Amino acid sequence: MNELTLNQANRIIEATLAKAREMKLPPLSVAVLDTGGHLKALQREDSQAYLRVQVCQAKAWGALALGTDTSRIA
């Protein structure tokens, strides 16, 4: 398996935030982890609620542990 690059992680975040704006979702935090569960990239939009960064990273860990995407564990 190829290692996730920082550039790839940033593109994932960019696409996620673009889709969120298209869907008119409230501000998001987005965490991208590598296969070892280490944080590769994270962005937090303005006006986020308290602890949202920690919640999004924990959700990413859960998805990695379960081998699924976060929409299935939401």
PDB file of N, CA and C in Angstrom:
ATOM      1  N   MET A   1       0.849  -1.174   0.000  1.00  0.00           N
ATOM      2  CA  MET A   1       0.000   0.000   0.000  1.00  0.00           C
ATOM      3  C   MET A   1       0.895   1.237   0.000  1.00  0.00           C
ATOM      4  N   ASN A   2       0.577   2.190  -0.837  1.00  0.00           N
ATOM      5  CA  ASN A   2       1.342   3.436  -0.894  1.00  0.00           C
ATOM      6  C   ASN A   2       1.030   4.309   0.305  1.00  0.00           C
ATOM      7  N   GLU A   3       2.035   5.035   0.764  1.00  0.00           N
ATOM      8  CA  GLU A   3       1.853   5.957   1.871  1.00  0.00           C
ATOM      9  C   GLU A   3       1.065   7.176   1.402  1.00  0.00           C
ATOM     10  N   LEU A   4       0.147   7.626   2.238  1.00  0.00           N
ATOM     11  CA  LEU A   4      -0.625   8.828   1.957  1.00  0.00           C
ATOM     12  C   LEU A   4       0.283  10.036   2.085  1.00  0.00           C
ATOM     13  N   THR A   5       0.306  10.852   1.055  1.00  0.00           N
ATOM     14  CA  THR A   5       1.143  12.050   1.103  1.00  0.00           C
ATOM     15  C   THR A   5       0.357  13.213   1.710  1.00  0.00           C
ATOM     16  N   LEU A   6       1.077  14.209   2.156  1.00  0.00           N
ATOM     17  CA  LEU A   6       0.433  15.406   2.678  1.00  0.00           C
ATOM     18  C   LEU A   6      -0.395  16.077   1.587  1.00  0.00           C
ATOM     19  N   ASN A   7       0.113  16.107   0.377  1.00  0.00           N
ATOM     20  CA  ASN A   7      -0.623  16.694  -0.740  1.00  0.00           C
ATOM     21  C   ASN A   7      -1.952  15.966  -0.956  1.00  0.00           C
ATOM     22  N   GLN A   8      -1.940  14.649  -0.915  1.00  0.00           N
ATOM     23  CA  GLN A   8      -3.174  13.878  -1.079  1.00  0.00           C
ATOM     24  C   GLN A   8      -4.152  14.160   0.060  1.00  0.00           C
ATOM     25  N   ALA A   9      -3.628  14.212   1.274  1.00  0.00           N
ATOM     26  CA  ALA A   9      -4.479  14.492   2.437  1.00  0.00           C
ATOM     27  C   ALA A   9      -5.124  15.864   2.311  1.00  0.00           C
ATOM     28  N   ASN A  10      -4.364  16.844   1.890  1.00  0.00           N
ATOM     29  CA  ASN A  10      -4.910  18.190   1.715  1.00  0.00           C
ATOM     30  C   ASN A  10      -5.957  18.238   0.601  1.00  0.00           C
ATOM     31  N   ARG A  11      -5.764  17.460  -0.453  1.00  0.00           N
ATOM     32  CA  ARG A  11      -6.764  17.406  -1.530  1.00  0.00           C
ATOM     33  C   ARG A  11      -8.054  16.749  -1.037  1.00  0.00           C
ATOM     34  N   ILE A  12      -7.937  15.742  -0.179  1.00  0.00           N
ATOM     35  CA  ILE A  12      -9.119  15.106   0.411  1.00  0.00           C
ATOM     36  C   ILE A  12      -9.899  16.127   1.225  1.00  0.00           C
ATOM     37  N   ILE A  13      -9.194  16.894   2.034  1.00  0.00           N
ATOM     38  CA  ILE A  13      -9.854  17.920   2.843  1.00  0.00           C
ATOM     39  C   ILE A  13     -10.511  18.959   1.952  1.00  0.00           C
ATOM     40  N   GLU A  14      -9.803  19.422   0.941  1.00  0.00           N
ATOM     41  CA  GLU A  14     -10.351  20.425   0.016  1.00  0.00           C
ATOM     42  C   GLU A  14     -11.640  19.926  -0.635  1.00  0.00           C
ATOM     43  N   ALA A  15     -11.639  18.683  -1.093  1.00  0.00           N
ATOM     44  CA  ALA A  15     -12.832  18.120  -1.738  1.00  0.00           C
ATOM     45  C   ALA A  15     -13.976  17.954  -0.738  1.00  0.00           C
ATOM     46  N   THR A  16     -13.648  17.554   0.470  1.00  0.00           N
ATOM     47  CA  THR A  16     -14.666  17.384   1.510  1.00  0.00           C
ATOM     48  C   THR A  16     -15.330  18.719   1.843  1.00  0.00           C
ATOM     49  N   LEU A  17     -14.524  19.754   2.033  1.00  0.00           N
ATOM     50  CA  LEU A  17     -15.080  21.062   2.358  1.00  0.00           C
ATOM     51  C   LEU A  17     -15.875  21.640   1.190  1.00  0.00           C
ATOM     52  N   ALA A  18     -15.432  21.407  -0.028  1.00  0.00           N
ATOM     53  CA  ALA A  18     -16.185  21.869  -1.200  1.00  0.00           C
ATOM     54  C   ALA A  18     -17.555  21.186  -1.260  1.00  0.00           C
ATOM     55  N   LYS A  19     -17.590  19.883  -1.004  1.00  0.00           N
ATOM     56  CA  LYS A  19     -18.859  19.145  -1.008  1.00  0.00           C
ATOM     57  C   LYS A  19     -19.762  19.641   0.114  1.00  0.00           C
ATOM     58  N   ALA A  20     -19.190  19.931   1.268  1.00  0.00           N
ATOM     59  CA  ALA A  20     -19.974  20.445   2.396  1.00  0.00           C
ATOM     60  C   ALA A  20     -20.608  21.794   2.055  1.00  0.00           C
ATOM     61  N   ARG A  21     -19.861  22.657   1.367  1.00  0.00           N
ATOM     62  CA  ARG A  21     -20.423  23.952   0.967  1.00  0.00           C
ATOM     63  C   ARG A  21     -21.544  23.734  -0.054  1.00  0.00           C
ATOM     64  N   GLU A  22     -21.337  22.806  -0.980  1.00  0.00           N
ATOM     65  CA  GLU A  22     -22.361  22.493  -1.984  1.00  0.00           C
ATOM     66  C   GLU A  22     -23.645  22.004  -1.303  1.00  0.00           C
ATOM     67  N   MET A  23     -23.487  21.230  -0.232  1.00  0.00           N
ATOM     68  CA  MET A  23     -24.626  20.678   0.507  1.00  0.00           C
ATOM     69  C   MET A  23     -25.170  21.662   1.551  1.00  0.00           C
ATOM     70  N   LYS A  24     -24.540  22.829   1.666  1.00  0.00           N
ATOM     71  CA  LYS A  24     -24.939  23.863   2.614  1.00  0.00           C
ATOM     72  C   LYS A  24     -24.916  23.361   4.062  1.00  0.00           C
ATOM     73  N   LEU A  25     -23.892  22.576   4.388  1.00  0.00           N
ATOM     74  CA  LEU A  25     -23.712  22.079   5.747  1.00  0.00           C
ATOM     75  C   LEU A  25     -23.113  23.165   6.631  1.00  0.00           C
ATOM     76  N   PRO A  26     -23.289  23.049   7.930  1.00  0.00           N
ATOM     77  CA  PRO A  26     -22.637  23.997   8.829  1.00  0.00           C
ATOM     78  C   PRO A  26     -21.119  23.807   8.768  1.00  0.00           C
ATOM     79  N   PRO A  27     -20.343  24.723   9.340  1.00  0.00           N
ATOM     80  CA  PRO A  27     -18.884  24.601   9.297  1.00  0.00           C
ATOM     81  C   PRO A  27     -18.401  23.252   9.835  1.00  0.00           C
ATOM     82  N   LEU A  28     -17.362  22.735   9.193  1.00  0.00           N
ATOM     83  CA  LEU A  28     -16.832  21.409   9.534  1.00  0.00           C
ATOM     84  C   LEU A  28     -15.388  21.481  10.002  1.00  0.00           C
ATOM     85  N   SER A  29     -15.005  20.421  10.693  1.00  0.00           N
ATOM     86  CA  SER A  29     -13.595  20.097  10.905  1.00  0.00           C
ATOM     87  C   SER A  29     -13.371  18.786  10.177  1.00  0.00           C
ATOM     88  N   VAL A  30     -12.234  18.660   9.503  1.00  0.00           N
ATOM     89  CA  VAL A  30     -11.937  17.459   8.725  1.00  0.00           C
ATOM     90  C   VAL A  30     -10.547  16.969   9.108  1.00  0.00           C
ATOM     91  N   ALA A  31     -10.473  15.702   9.517  1.00  0.00           N
ATOM     92  CA  ALA A  31      -9.199  15.073   9.860  1.00  0.00           C
ATOM     93  C   ALA A  31      -8.923  13.949   8.877  1.00  0.00           C
ATOM     94  N   VAL A  32      -7.689  13.864   8.417  1.00  0.00           N
ATOM     95  CA  VAL A  32      -7.253  12.771   7.542  1.00  0.00           C
ATOM     96  C   VAL A  32      -6.123  12.053   8.262  1.00  0.00           C
ATOM     97  N   LEU A  33      -6.279  10.739   8.426  1.00  0.00           N
ATOM     98  CA  LEU A  33      -5.285   9.911   9.102  1.00  0.00           C
ATOM     99  C   LEU A  33      -4.565   9.032   8.098  1.00  0.00           C
ATOM    100  N   ASP A  34      -3.333   8.645   8.428  1.00  0.00           N
ATOM    101  CA  ASP A  34      -2.650   7.647   7.603  1.00  0.00           C
ATOM    102  C   ASP A  34      -3.089   6.256   8.064  1.00  0.00           C
ATOM    103  N   THR A  35      -2.592   5.215   7.440  1.00  0.00           N
ATOM    104  CA  THR A  35      -3.030   3.856   7.765  1.00  0.00           C
ATOM    105  C   THR A  35      -2.658   3.432   9.175  1.00  0.00           C
ATOM    106  N   GLY A  36      -1.703   4.098   9.790  1.00  0.00           N
ATOM    107  CA  GLY A  36      -1.326   3.811  11.169  1.00  0.00           C
ATOM    108  C   GLY A  36      -2.161   4.572  12.186  1.00  0.00           C
ATOM    109  N   GLY A  37      -3.105   5.382  11.730  1.00  0.00           N
ATOM    110  CA  GLY A  37      -3.955   6.148  12.616  1.00  0.00           C
ATOM    111  C   GLY A  37      -3.358   7.466  13.071  1.00  0.00           C
ATOM    112  N   HIS A  38      -2.260   7.865  12.428  1.00  0.00           N
ATOM    113  CA  HIS A  38      -1.614   9.133  12.768  1.00  0.00           C
ATOM    114  C   HIS A  38      -2.233  10.265  11.953  1.00  0.00           C
ATOM    115  N   LEU A  39      -2.412  11.391  12.599  1.00  0.00           N
ATOM    116  CA  LEU A  39      -2.984  12.550  11.924  1.00  0.00           C
ATOM    117  C   LEU A  39      -2.048  13.019  10.814  1.00  0.00           C
ATOM    118  N   LYS A  40      -2.566  13.082   9.603  1.00  0.00           N
ATOM    119  CA  LYS A  40      -1.791  13.563   8.456  1.00  0.00           C
ATOM    120  C   LYS A  40      -2.113  15.020   8.157  1.00  0.00           C
ATOM    121  N   ALA A  41      -3.403  15.385   8.230  1.00  0.00           N
ATOM    122  CA  ALA A  41      -3.818  16.759   7.970  1.00  0.00           C
ATOM    123  C   ALA A  41      -5.152  17.002   8.657  1.00  0.00           C
ATOM    124  N   LEU A  42      -5.364  18.253   9.051  1.00  0.00           N
ATOM    125  CA  LEU A  42      -6.615  18.627   9.699  1.00  0.00           C
ATOM    126  C   LEU A  42      -6.893  20.089   9.396  1.00  0.00           C
ATOM    127  N   GLN A  43      -8.139  20.370   9.088  1.00  0.00           N
ATOM    128  CA  GLN A  43      -8.555  21.759   8.923  1.00  0.00           C
ATOM    129  C   GLN A  43      -9.854  21.963   9.685  1.00  0.00           C
ATOM    130  N   ARG A  44      -9.956  23.141  10.294  1.00  0.00           N
ATOM    131  CA  ARG A  44     -11.122  23.511  11.082  1.00  0.00           C
ATOM    132  C   ARG A  44     -11.668  24.808  10.508  1.00  0.00           C
ATOM    133  N   GLU A  45     -12.913  24.746  10.014  1.00  0.00           N
ATOM    134  CA  GLU A  45     -13.523  25.954   9.476  1.00  0.00           C
ATOM    135  C   GLU A  45     -13.881  26.918  10.609  1.00  0.00           C
ATOM    136  N   ASP A  46     -14.048  28.176  10.254  1.00  0.00           N
ATOM    137  CA  ASP A  46     -14.438  29.195  11.226  1.00  0.00           C
ATOM    138  C   ASP A  46     -15.788  28.840  11.854  1.00  0.00           C
ATOM    139  N   SER A  47     -15.996  29.335  13.063  1.00  0.00           N
ATOM    140  CA  SER A  47     -17.275  29.198  13.788  1.00  0.00           C
ATOM    141  C   SER A  47     -17.584  27.764  14.204  1.00  0.00           C
ATOM    142  N   GLN A  48     -16.560  26.992  14.481  1.00  0.00           N
ATOM    143  CA  GLN A  48     -16.760  25.629  14.952  1.00  0.00           C
ATOM    144  C   GLN A  48     -17.081  25.617  16.434  1.00  0.00           C
ATOM    145  N   ALA A  49     -17.898  24.684  16.828  1.00  0.00           N
ATOM    146  CA  ALA A  49     -18.224  24.504  18.238  1.00  0.00           C
ATOM    147  C   ALA A  49     -17.010  23.942  18.990  1.00  0.00           C
ATOM    148  N   TYR A  50     -17.020  24.109  20.279  1.00  0.00           N
ATOM    149  CA  TYR A  50     -15.972  23.633  21.170  1.00  0.00           C
ATOM    150  C   TYR A  50     -15.771  22.118  21.000  1.00  0.00           C
ATOM    151  N   LEU A  51     -14.556  21.684  20.930  1.00  0.00           N
ATOM    152  CA  LEU A  51     -14.121  20.278  20.844  1.00  0.00           C
ATOM    153  C   LEU A  51     -14.421  19.591  19.511  1.00  0.00           C
ATOM    154  N   ARG A  52     -14.870  20.323  18.493  1.00  0.00           N
ATOM    155  CA  ARG A  52     -15.171  19.679  17.210  1.00  0.00           C
ATOM    156  C   ARG A  52     -13.937  19.044  16.578  1.00  0.00           C
ATOM    157  N   VAL A  53     -12.773  19.637  16.770  1.00  0.00           N
ATOM    158  CA  VAL A  53     -11.545  19.056  16.223  1.00  0.00           C
ATOM    159  C   VAL A  53     -11.304  17.679  16.833  1.00  0.00           C
ATOM    160  N   GLN A  54     -11.454  17.565  18.131  1.00  0.00           N
ATOM    161  CA  GLN A  54     -11.250  16.284  18.802  1.00  0.00           C
ATOM    162  C   GLN A  54     -12.294  15.255  18.360  1.00  0.00           C
ATOM    163  N   VAL A  55     -13.521  15.703  18.184  1.00  0.00           N
ATOM    164  CA  VAL A  55     -14.585  14.806  17.744  1.00  0.00           C
ATOM    165  C   VAL A  55     -14.313  14.291  16.334  1.00  0.00           C
ATOM    166  N   CYS A  56     -13.884  15.171  15.428  1.00  0.00           N
ATOM    167  CA  CYS A  56     -13.663  14.716  14.047  1.00  0.00           C
ATOM    168  C   CYS A  56     -12.479  13.761  13.977  1.00  0.00           C
ATOM    169  N   GLN A  57     -11.451  13.984  14.796  1.00  0.00           N
ATOM    170  CA  GLN A  57     -10.317  13.068  14.794  1.00  0.00           C
ATOM    171  C   GLN A  57     -10.721  11.713  15.400  1.00  0.00           C
ATOM    172  N   ALA A  58     -11.514  11.720  16.447  1.00  0.00           N
ATOM    173  CA  ALA A  58     -11.984  10.466  17.035  1.00  0.00           C
ATOM    174  C   ALA A  58     -12.869   9.694  16.058  1.00  0.00           C
ATOM    175  N   LYS A  59     -13.688  10.410  15.303  1.00  0.00           N
ATOM    176  CA  LYS A  59     -14.540   9.765  14.296  1.00  0.00           C
ATOM    177  C   LYS A  59     -13.673   9.124  13.209  1.00  0.00           C
ATOM    178  N   ALA A  60     -12.604   9.799  12.815  1.00  0.00           N
ATOM    179  CA  ALA A  60     -11.686   9.243  11.820  1.00  0.00           C
ATOM    180  C   ALA A  60     -11.004   7.980  12.364  1.00  0.00           C
ATOM    181  N   TRP A  61     -10.596   8.007  13.643  1.00  0.00           N
ATOM    182  CA  TRP A  61     -10.005   6.806  14.258  1.00  0.00           C
ATOM    183  C   TRP A  61     -11.005   5.648  14.252  1.00  0.00           C
ATOM    184  N   GLY A  62     -12.262   5.946  14.574  1.00  0.00           N
ATOM    185  CA  GLY A  62     -13.291   4.903  14.579  1.00  0.00           C
ATOM    186  C   GLY A  62     -13.488   4.301  13.204  1.00  0.00           C
ATOM    187  N   ALA A  63     -13.520   5.134  12.177  1.00  0.00           N
ATOM    188  CA  ALA A  63     -13.683   4.631  10.811  1.00  0.00           C
ATOM    189  C   ALA A  63     -12.505   3.757  10.410  1.00  0.00           C
ATOM    190  N   LEU A  64     -11.301   4.184  10.757  1.00  0.00           N
ATOM    191  CA  LEU A  64     -10.115   3.393  10.439  1.00  0.00           C
ATOM    192  C   LEU A  64     -10.159   2.049  11.159  1.00  0.00           C
ATOM    193  N   ALA A  65     -10.516   2.066  12.439  1.00  0.00           N
ATOM    194  CA  ALA A  65     -10.575   0.832  13.230  1.00  0.00           C
ATOM    195  C   ALA A  65     -11.624  -0.138  12.701  1.00  0.00           C
ATOM    196  N   LEU A  66     -12.743   0.401  12.206  1.00  0.00           N
ATOM    197  CA  LEU A  66     -13.825  -0.436  11.701  1.00  0.00           C
ATOM    198  C   LEU A  66     -13.687  -0.761  10.219  1.00  0.00           C
ATOM    199  N   GLY A  67     -12.728  -0.132   9.552  1.00  0.00           N
ATOM    200  CA  GLY A  67     -12.518  -0.391   8.128  1.00  0.00           C
ATOM    201  C   GLY A  67     -13.656   0.120   7.264  1.00  0.00           C
ATOM    202  N   THR A  68     -14.221   1.259   7.616  1.00  0.00           N
ATOM    203  CA  THR A  68     -15.335   1.822   6.863  1.00  0.00           C
ATOM    204  C   THR A  68     -15.167   3.330   6.766  1.00  0.00           C
ATOM    205  N   ASP A  69     -16.046   3.999   6.045  1.00  0.00           N
ATOM    206  CA  ASP A  69     -15.973   5.460   5.999  1.00  0.00           C
ATOM    207  C   ASP A  69     -16.832   6.048   7.107  1.00  0.00           C
ATOM    208  N   THR A  70     -16.602   7.314   7.400  1.00  0.00           N
ATOM    209  CA  THR A  70     -17.254   7.923   8.558  1.00  0.00           C
ATOM    210  C   THR A  70     -18.767   8.045   8.399  1.00  0.00           C
ATOM    211  N   SER A  71     -19.272   8.063   7.192  1.00  0.00           N
ATOM    212  CA  SER A  71     -20.722   8.185   7.020  1.00  0.00           C
ATOM    213  C   SER A  71     -21.453   6.962   7.574  1.00  0.00           C
ATOM    214  N   ARG A  72     -20.767   5.842   7.634  1.00  0.00           N
ATOM    215  CA  ARG A  72     -21.401   4.609   8.134  1.00  0.00           C
ATOM    216  C   ARG A  72     -21.377   4.531   9.654  1.00  0.00           C
ATOM    217  N   ILE A  73     -20.576   5.375  10.303  1.00  0.00           N
ATOM    218  CA  ILE A  73     -20.541   5.363  11.761  1.00  0.00           C
ATOM    219  C   ILE A  73     -21.074   6.664  12.353  1.00  0.00           C
ATOM    220  N   ALA A  74     -21.627   7.514  11.509  1.00  0.00           N
ATOM    221  CA  ALA A  74     -22.113   8.825  11.958  1.00  0.00           C
ATOM    222  C   ALA A  74     -23.257   8.670  12.948  1.00  0.00           C
TER     223      ALA A  74
END
